[in-house]
């Protein structure tokens, strides 16, 4: 029973935090410079999550052709550049990673 209580309370707290920010963002006047700055938060967070996975191998910078994740990431970037299709980018990037790890 305590696990369910913790899960419900965690969900309620998360919902409360997110809802309050959305509610306040709609009621308060946000300066245009802050709006422009907030526009860059999602790409910055995504980059902070993705680049260490692509560039670091066991905590060491690996820019060699033996880095399967880097090669698969570059393939995914090319697919994204030409197709502009997120699902196709994810699928072909994961396929490239699988094939590189399986065959090399």
Protein backbone atom coordinates (compact mmCIF):
# COMPACT_ATOMS: atom_id res chain seq x y z
CA UNK A 1 0.00 0.00 0.00
CA UNK A 2 2.84 2.42 0.76
CA UNK A 3 4.30 1.95 -2.74
CA UNK A 4 1.01 3.02 -4.30
CA UNK A 5 0.87 6.01 -1.98
CA UNK A 6 4.40 7.05 -2.96
CA UNK A 7 3.56 6.66 -6.66
CA UNK A 8 0.35 8.68 -6.33
CA UNK A 9 2.04 11.41 -4.31
CA UNK A 10 4.96 11.56 -6.76
CA UNK A 11 2.53 11.86 -9.66
CA UNK A 12 0.52 14.55 -7.87
CA UNK A 13 3.65 16.55 -7.05
CA UNK A 14 4.95 16.28 -10.62
CA UNK A 15 1.56 17.30 -12.01
CA UNK A 16 1.38 20.21 -9.56
CA UNK A 17 4.80 21.54 -10.50
CA UNK A 18 4.15 21.30 -14.24
CA UNK A 19 0.62 22.69 -14.02
CA UNK A 20 1.71 25.63 -11.87
CA UNK A 21 4.40 26.58 -14.37
CA UNK A 22 1.97 26.33 -17.28
CA UNK A 23 -0.63 28.31 -15.35
CA UNK A 24 1.84 31.01 -14.32
CA UNK A 25 3.34 31.18 -17.80
CA UNK A 26 -0.13 32.00 -19.15
CA UNK A 27 -0.89 34.63 -16.51
CA UNK A 28 2.42 36.46 -16.23
CA UNK A 29 3.96 38.72 -18.81
CA UNK A 30 7.17 37.05 -19.96
CA UNK A 31 9.73 39.36 -21.58
CA UNK A 32 10.45 38.63 -25.22
CA UNK A 33 14.14 38.00 -24.56
CA UNK A 34 13.24 35.28 -22.03
CA UNK A 35 10.82 33.71 -24.52
CA UNK A 36 13.58 33.62 -27.14
CA UNK A 37 16.02 32.14 -24.62
CA UNK A 38 13.54 29.42 -23.57
CA UNK A 39 13.23 28.45 -27.23
CA UNK A 40 16.79 27.07 -27.09
CA UNK A 41 16.35 24.93 -23.95
CA UNK A 42 15.07 21.71 -25.64
CA UNK A 43 17.93 21.51 -28.20
CA UNK A 44 20.47 22.23 -25.46
CA UNK A 45 19.09 19.49 -23.22
CA UNK A 46 18.91 17.01 -26.09
CA UNK A 47 22.49 17.80 -27.06
CA UNK A 48 23.64 17.33 -23.47
CA UNK A 49 22.05 13.88 -23.45
CA UNK A 50 23.08 12.70 -26.93
CA UNK A 51 26.65 13.93 -27.47
CA UNK A 52 28.26 12.14 -24.50
CA UNK A 53 26.72 8.87 -25.72
CA UNK A 54 28.09 9.41 -29.21
CA UNK A 55 31.52 10.76 -28.38
CA UNK A 56 32.56 9.04 -25.15
CA UNK A 57 33.51 5.36 -24.96
CA UNK A 58 34.20 4.19 -21.38
CA UNK A 59 34.66 7.81 -20.31
CA UNK A 60 37.27 8.59 -22.97
CA UNK A 61 36.74 10.74 -26.06
CA UNK A 62 36.59 8.42 -29.09
CA UNK A 63 36.42 10.05 -32.51
CA UNK A 64 37.73 7.01 -34.40
CA UNK A 65 35.98 4.91 -37.02
CA UNK A 66 35.78 2.12 -34.43
CA UNK A 67 33.16 4.09 -32.48
CA UNK A 68 29.93 2.39 -33.63
CA UNK A 69 27.69 4.92 -31.89
CA UNK A 70 29.39 7.86 -33.55
CA UNK A 71 29.10 6.32 -37.02
CA UNK A 72 25.42 5.42 -36.41
CA UNK A 73 24.82 8.94 -35.12
CA UNK A 74 26.36 10.44 -38.24
CA UNK A 75 24.16 8.19 -40.39
CA UNK A 76 21.12 9.35 -38.40
CA UNK A 77 22.13 12.98 -38.90
CA UNK A 78 22.35 12.44 -42.66
CA UNK A 79 18.95 10.71 -42.72
CA UNK A 80 17.44 13.55 -40.70
CA UNK A 81 19.03 16.15 -42.96
CA UNK A 82 17.69 14.66 -46.17
CA UNK A 83 14.37 13.17 -45.08
CA UNK A 84 13.21 15.56 -42.33
CA UNK A 85 11.37 12.52 -40.90
CA UNK A 86 11.89 11.83 -37.19
CA UNK A 87 10.63 8.25 -37.22
CA UNK A 88 12.75 7.32 -40.24
CA UNK A 89 15.79 8.93 -38.58
CA UNK A 90 15.32 6.93 -35.39
CA UNK A 91 14.69 3.66 -37.23
CA UNK A 92 17.64 3.97 -39.61
CA UNK A 93 19.95 5.21 -36.87
CA UNK A 94 19.08 2.25 -34.65
CA UNK A 95 19.39 -0.14 -37.60
CA UNK A 96 22.81 1.30 -38.42
CA UNK A 97 23.91 0.89 -34.79
CA UNK A 98 22.67 -2.70 -34.70
CA UNK A 99 24.39 -3.61 -37.96
CA UNK A 100 27.65 -1.93 -36.98
CA UNK A 101 27.72 -3.70 -33.61
CA UNK A 102 26.72 -7.05 -35.09
CA UNK A 103 29.07 -7.13 -38.08
CA UNK A 104 32.06 -5.13 -36.82
